[in-house]
PDB file of N, CA and C in Angstrom:
ATOM      1  N   MET A   1     -10.667  16.151  14.586  1.00  0.00           N
ATOM      2  CA  MET A   1     -10.320  14.361  13.947  1.00  0.00           C
ATOM      3  C   MET A   1     -10.902  13.499  14.246  1.00  0.00           C
ATOM      4  N   ARG A   2     -11.086  12.616  13.691  1.00  0.00           N
ATOM      5  CA  ARG A   2     -11.861  11.136  14.188  1.00  0.00           C
ATOM      6  C   ARG A   2     -10.757  10.195  13.686  1.00  0.00           C
ATOM      7  N   THR A   3     -11.480   9.400  14.459  1.00  0.00           N
ATOM      8  CA  THR A   3     -10.637   7.744  14.520  1.00  0.00           C
ATOM      9  C   THR A   3     -11.866   6.676  14.612  1.00  0.00           C
ATOM     10  N   VAL A   4     -10.948   6.187  14.015  1.00  0.00           N
ATOM     11  CA  VAL A   4     -12.209   4.626  13.906  1.00  0.00           C
ATOM     12  C   VAL A   4     -11.174   3.366  14.062  1.00  0.00           C
ATOM     13  N   GLY A   5     -11.769   2.451  14.884  1.00  0.00           N
ATOM     14  CA  GLY A   5     -10.745   0.891  15.353  1.00  0.00           C
ATOM     15  C   GLY A   5     -10.088   1.037  16.527  1.00  0.00           C
ATOM     16  N   SER A   6      -9.345  -0.262  16.600  1.00  0.00           N
ATOM     17  CA  SER A   6      -8.349   0.008  17.914  1.00  0.00           C
ATOM     18  C   SER A   6      -7.098  -0.781  17.998  1.00  0.00           C
ATOM     19  N   GLY A   7      -7.063  -0.883  16.579  1.00  0.00           N
ATOM     20  CA  GLY A   7      -5.800  -1.749  16.453  1.00  0.00           C
ATOM     21  C   GLY A   7      -4.015  -1.547  16.997  1.00  0.00           C
ATOM     22  N   GLU A   8      -3.117  -2.176  16.799  1.00  0.00           N
ATOM     23  CA  GLU A   8      -2.306  -1.307  16.706  1.00  0.00           C
ATOM     24  C   GLU A   8      -1.782  -0.922  15.573  1.00  0.00           C
ATOM     25  N   HIS A   9      -1.984  -0.992  14.714  1.00  0.00           N
ATOM     26  CA  HIS A   9      -1.438  -0.406  13.073  1.00  0.00           C
ATOM     27  C   HIS A   9      -1.979   0.867  12.990  1.00  0.00           C
ATOM     28  N   VAL A  10      -1.829   1.973  12.675  1.00  0.00           N
ATOM     29  CA  VAL A  10      -2.024   3.678  12.435  1.00  0.00           C
ATOM     30  C   VAL A  10      -2.456   3.818  11.195  1.00  0.00           C
ATOM     31  N   VAL A  11      -3.527   3.865  10.512  1.00  0.00           N
ATOM     32  CA  VAL A  11      -3.576   4.790   9.043  1.00  0.00           C
ATOM     33  C   VAL A  11      -4.271   6.116   9.308  1.00  0.00           C
ATOM     34  N   ILE A  12      -3.524   6.907   8.443  1.00  0.00           N
ATOM     35  CA  ILE A  12      -3.987   8.143   8.525  1.00  0.00           C
ATOM     36  C   ILE A  12      -4.561   8.393   7.265  1.00  0.00           C
ATOM     37  N   ALA A  13      -5.511   8.768   7.042  1.00  0.00           N
ATOM     38  CA  ALA A  13      -6.672   8.951   5.905  1.00  0.00           C
ATOM     39  C   ALA A  13      -6.769  10.078   5.587  1.00  0.00           C
ATOM     40  N   LEU A  14      -6.108  10.612   4.490  1.00  0.00           N
ATOM     41  CA  LEU A  14      -6.277  12.443   4.483  1.00  0.00           C
ATOM     42  C   LEU A  14      -7.186  12.809   3.106  1.00  0.00           C
ATOM     43  N   HIS A  15      -8.164  13.605   3.198  1.00  0.00           N
ATOM     44  CA  HIS A  15      -8.764  14.452   2.689  1.00  0.00           C
ATOM     45  C   HIS A  15      -8.140  15.030   1.374  1.00  0.00           C
ATOM     46  N   GLY A  16      -9.179  15.405   0.014  1.00  0.00           N
ATOM     47  CA  GLY A  16      -8.162  15.957  -0.990  1.00  0.00           C
ATOM     48  C   GLY A  16      -8.901  17.400  -0.164  1.00  0.00           C
ATOM     49  N   SER A  17      -8.297  18.478  -1.853  1.00  0.00           N
ATOM     50  CA  SER A  17      -8.518  19.939  -1.289  1.00  0.00           C
ATOM     51  C   SER A  17     -10.002  19.812  -1.189  1.00  0.00           C
ATOM     52  N   PHE A  18     -10.448  21.113  -0.344  1.00  0.00           N
ATOM     53  CA  PHE A  18     -11.767  21.606  -0.370  1.00  0.00           C
ATOM     54  C   PHE A  18     -12.524  20.294   0.209  1.00  0.00           C
ATOM     55  N   GLY A  19     -12.440  19.672   1.172  1.00  0.00           N
ATOM     56  CA  GLY A  19     -13.145  18.197   1.360  1.00  0.00           C
ATOM     57  C   GLY A  19     -12.963  18.460   3.059  1.00  0.00           C
ATOM     58  N   SER A  20     -13.420  17.191   3.372  1.00  0.00           N
ATOM     59  CA  SER A  20     -13.127  16.630   5.030  1.00  0.00           C
ATOM     60  C   SER A  20     -12.987  15.291   5.335  1.00  0.00           C
ATOM     61  N   SER A  21     -12.764  15.288   5.852  1.00  0.00           N
ATOM     62  CA  SER A  21     -12.885  13.953   7.198  1.00  0.00           C
ATOM     63  C   SER A  21     -13.750  13.299   6.543  1.00  0.00           C
ATOM     64  N   ARG A  22     -15.013  13.425   6.540  1.00  0.00           N
ATOM     65  CA  ARG A  22     -16.101  12.991   6.187  1.00  0.00           C
ATOM     66  C   ARG A  22     -16.423  11.888   4.780  1.00  0.00           C
ATOM     67  N   ALA A  23     -15.245  12.612   4.325  1.00  0.00           N
ATOM     68  CA  ALA A  23     -14.856  12.083   2.759  1.00  0.00           C
ATOM     69  C   ALA A  23     -14.816  10.298   2.621  1.00  0.00           C
ATOM     70  N   TRP A  24     -14.221  10.088   3.873  1.00  0.00           N
ATOM     71  CA  TRP A  24     -13.952   8.875   4.110  1.00  0.00           C
ATOM     72  C   TRP A  24     -15.145   7.252   4.855  1.00  0.00           C
ATOM     73  N   THR A  25     -16.419   8.342   4.739  1.00  0.00           N
ATOM     74  CA  THR A  25     -17.400   7.797   5.547  1.00  0.00           C
ATOM     75  C   THR A  25     -17.741   6.628   4.758  1.00  0.00           C
ATOM     76  N   ALA A  26     -18.061   6.614   3.378  1.00  0.00           N
ATOM     77  CA  ALA A  26     -18.498   5.005   3.163  1.00  0.00           C
ATOM     78  C   ALA A  26     -17.823   4.005   2.785  1.00  0.00           C
ATOM     79  N   PHE A  27     -16.487   4.401   3.460  1.00  0.00           N
ATOM     80  CA  PHE A  27     -15.498   3.047   3.296  1.00  0.00           C
ATOM     81  C   PHE A  27     -15.350   2.639   4.972  1.00  0.00           C
ATOM     82  N   GLU A  28     -15.691   3.143   6.027  1.00  0.00           N
ATOM     83  CA  GLU A  28     -16.125   2.709   7.503  1.00  0.00           C
ATOM     84  C   GLU A  28     -15.919   1.227   7.498  1.00  0.00           C
ATOM     85  N   PRO A  29     -17.658   1.015   6.789  1.00  0.00           N
ATOM     86  CA  PRO A  29     -18.009  -0.417   6.949  1.00  0.00           C
ATOM     87  C   PRO A  29     -17.259  -1.328   6.661  1.00  0.00           C
ATOM     88  N   HIS A  30     -16.182  -1.371   5.481  1.00  0.00           N
ATOM     89  CA  HIS A  30     -15.319  -1.920   5.165  1.00  0.00           C
ATOM     90  C   HIS A  30     -13.850  -2.021   5.798  1.00  0.00           C
ATOM     91  N   LEU A  31     -13.365  -1.081   6.673  1.00  0.00           N
ATOM     92  CA  LEU A  31     -12.199  -0.896   7.609  1.00  0.00           C
ATOM     93  C   LEU A  31     -12.086  -2.092   8.501  1.00  0.00           C
ATOM     94  N   ASP A  32     -10.969  -2.542   8.576  1.00  0.00           N
ATOM     95  CA  ASP A  32     -10.551  -3.688   9.615  1.00  0.00           C
ATOM     96  C   ASP A  32     -10.140  -3.023  10.525  1.00  0.00           C
ATOM     97  N   ARG A  33     -10.751  -3.054  11.732  1.00  0.00           N
ATOM     98  CA  ARG A  33     -10.946  -2.362  12.997  1.00  0.00           C
ATOM     99  C   ARG A  33     -10.457  -3.032  14.391  1.00  0.00           C
ATOM    100  N   ARG A  34     -10.218  -3.915  14.011  1.00  0.00           N
ATOM    101  CA  ARG A  34      -9.788  -5.221  14.997  1.00  0.00           C
ATOM    102  C   ARG A  34      -7.993  -5.106  14.910  1.00  0.00           C
ATOM    103  N   GLN A  35      -7.396  -4.556  13.719  1.00  0.00           N
ATOM    104  CA  GLN A  35      -5.773  -4.559  13.451  1.00  0.00           C
ATOM    105  C   GLN A  35      -5.461  -3.139  13.122  1.00  0.00           C
ATOM    106  N   PHE A  36      -6.420  -2.624  12.836  1.00  0.00           N
ATOM    107  CA  PHE A  36      -5.932  -1.000  12.516  1.00  0.00           C
ATOM    108  C   PHE A  36      -6.795  -0.126  13.361  1.00  0.00           C
ATOM    109  N   THR A  37      -6.072   1.297  13.611  1.00  0.00           N
ATOM    110  CA  THR A  37      -6.191   2.457  14.060  1.00  0.00           C
ATOM    111  C   THR A  37      -6.509   3.420  12.962  1.00  0.00           C
ATOM    112  N   TYR A  38      -7.899   4.078  12.477  1.00  0.00           N
ATOM    113  CA  TYR A  38      -7.749   4.728  11.687  1.00  0.00           C
ATOM    114  C   TYR A  38      -7.718   6.653  11.541  1.00  0.00           C
ATOM    115  N   VAL A  39      -7.214   6.952  11.239  1.00  0.00           N
ATOM    116  CA  VAL A  39      -7.405   8.662  11.638  1.00  0.00           C
ATOM    117  C   VAL A  39      -7.775   9.677  10.629  1.00  0.00           C
ATOM    118  N   PHE A  40      -8.670  10.143  10.570  1.00  0.00           N
ATOM    119  CA  PHE A  40      -9.163  11.075   9.697  1.00  0.00           C
ATOM    120  C   PHE A  40      -9.201  12.626  10.078  1.00  0.00           C
ATOM    121  N   PRO A  41      -7.704  13.156   9.738  1.00  0.00           N
ATOM    122  CA  PRO A  41      -7.642  14.346  10.227  1.00  0.00           C
ATOM    123  C   PRO A  41      -8.226  15.383   9.313  1.00  0.00           C
ATOM    124  N   ASP A  42      -8.667  16.776   9.673  1.00  0.00           N
ATOM    125  CA  ASP A  42      -9.578  17.863   8.641  1.00  0.00           C
ATOM    126  C   ASP A  42      -8.040  18.343   8.737  1.00  0.00           C
ATOM    127  N   TYR A  43      -8.120  19.306   7.250  1.00  0.00           N
ATOM    128  CA  TYR A  43      -6.841  20.274   7.317  1.00  0.00           C
ATOM    129  C   TYR A  43      -7.475  21.528   7.992  1.00  0.00           C
ATOM    130  N   ARG A  44      -6.893  22.416   8.672  1.00  0.00           N
ATOM    131  CA  ARG A  44      -7.178  23.643   8.845  1.00  0.00           C
ATOM    132  C   ARG A  44      -8.141  24.327   8.200  1.00  0.00           C
ATOM    133  N   GLY A  45      -8.810  24.762   8.656  1.00  0.00           N
ATOM    134  CA  GLY A  45     -10.242  25.552   7.917  1.00  0.00           C
ATOM    135  C   GLY A  45     -11.201  24.916   7.612  1.00  0.00           C
ATOM    136  N   TYR A  46     -11.173  23.309   7.510  1.00  0.00           N
ATOM    137  CA  TYR A  46     -12.148  22.381   6.666  1.00  0.00           C
ATOM    138  C   TYR A  46     -12.587  22.006   7.266  1.00  0.00           C
ATOM    139  N   GLY A  47     -13.691  20.786   7.043  1.00  0.00           N
ATOM    140  CA  GLY A  47     -14.800  20.086   7.998  1.00  0.00           C
ATOM    141  C   GLY A  47     -14.816  20.692   9.139  1.00  0.00           C
ATOM    142  N   ASP A  48     -14.586  19.725  10.211  1.00  0.00           N
ATOM    143  CA  ASP A  48     -14.923  19.970  11.703  1.00  0.00           C
ATOM    144  C   ASP A  48     -13.772  21.175  12.239  1.00  0.00           C
ATOM    145  N   ARG A  49     -12.879  21.149  11.574  1.00  0.00           N
ATOM    146  CA  ARG A  49     -11.639  22.135  11.927  1.00  0.00           C
ATOM    147  C   ARG A  49     -12.091  23.289  12.020  1.00  0.00           C
ATOM    148  N   ARG A  50     -11.227  24.340  13.153  1.00  0.00           N
ATOM    149  CA  ARG A  50     -11.541  25.600  12.704  1.00  0.00           C
ATOM    150  C   ARG A  50     -10.320  26.307  12.268  1.00  0.00           C
ATOM    151  N   GLY A  51      -9.958  27.458  11.651  1.00  0.00           N
ATOM    152  CA  GLY A  51      -8.497  28.080  11.318  1.00  0.00           C
ATOM    153  C   GLY A  51      -8.727  28.555  10.356  1.00  0.00           C
ATOM    154  N   VAL A  52      -7.960  29.248  10.044  1.00  0.00           N
ATOM    155  CA  VAL A  52      -7.501  30.215   8.817  1.00  0.00           C
ATOM    156  C   VAL A  52      -7.569  28.901   7.606  1.00  0.00           C
ATOM    157  N   SER A  53      -8.621  29.424   6.915  1.00  0.00           N
ATOM    158  CA  SER A  53      -9.085  28.947   5.340  1.00  0.00           C
ATOM    159  C   SER A  53      -8.233  29.224   4.085  1.00  0.00           C
ATOM    160  N   ARG A  54      -7.849  30.692   4.431  1.00  0.00           N
ATOM    161  CA  ARG A  54      -7.229  31.079   3.705  1.00  0.00           C
ATOM    162  C   ARG A  54      -5.891  32.145   4.096  1.00  0.00           C
ATOM    163  N   PRO A  55      -4.628  30.966   3.669  1.00  0.00           N
ATOM    164  CA  PRO A  55      -3.563  31.770   3.956  1.00  0.00           C
ATOM    165  C   PRO A  55      -3.156  32.911   3.858  1.00  0.00           C
ATOM    166  N   ASP A  56      -3.843  33.980   2.484  1.00  0.00           N
ATOM    167  CA  ASP A  56      -3.039  34.764   2.449  1.00  0.00           C
ATOM    168  C   ASP A  56      -4.100  35.752   3.011  1.00  0.00           C
ATOM    169  N   ARG A  57      -4.776  35.469   4.354  1.00  0.00           N
ATOM    170  CA  ARG A  57      -5.350  36.187   5.248  1.00  0.00           C
ATOM    171  C   ARG A  57      -4.882  36.052   6.614  1.00  0.00           C
ATOM    172  N   ALA A  58      -3.709  34.833   6.344  1.00  0.00           N
ATOM    173  CA  ALA A  58      -3.595  34.736   7.931  1.00  0.00           C
ATOM    174  C   ALA A  58      -2.236  35.777   8.718  1.00  0.00           C
ATOM    175  N   THR A  59      -2.103  36.143   9.728  1.00  0.00           N
ATOM    176  CA  THR A  59      -1.297  36.983  10.387  1.00  0.00           C
ATOM    177  C   THR A  59      -0.352  36.533  10.950  1.00  0.00           C
ATOM    178  N   ARG A  60       0.610  36.961  11.109  1.00  0.00           N
ATOM    179  CA  ARG A  60       2.244  36.232  12.258  1.00  0.00           C
ATOM    180  C   ARG A  60       1.952  37.900  13.406  1.00  0.00           C
ATOM    181  N   SER A  61       1.760  36.897  14.456  1.00  0.00           N
ATOM    182  CA  SER A  61       2.436  38.101  16.037  1.00  0.00           C
ATOM    183  C   SER A  61       3.738  37.914  15.693  1.00  0.00           C
ATOM    184  N   GLY A  62       4.469  38.798  16.324  1.00  0.00           N
ATOM    185  CA  GLY A  62       5.569  38.879  16.773  1.00  0.00           C
ATOM    186  C   GLY A  62       6.822  39.349  15.842  1.00  0.00           C
TER     187      GLY A  62
END
């Protein structure tokens, strides 16, 4: 998960299917970093996040 800015208001920017948080990189120069903190998470298994990328192959313990 990446964050940009230090403002008191939080904006969570989600990427599309099969993408990553890097999809927002082109917009970063235009963001108001003084008033907002932007959070760019990656879905499990995509981008910089590790995990199960295929839910049909996930296993449950217990």
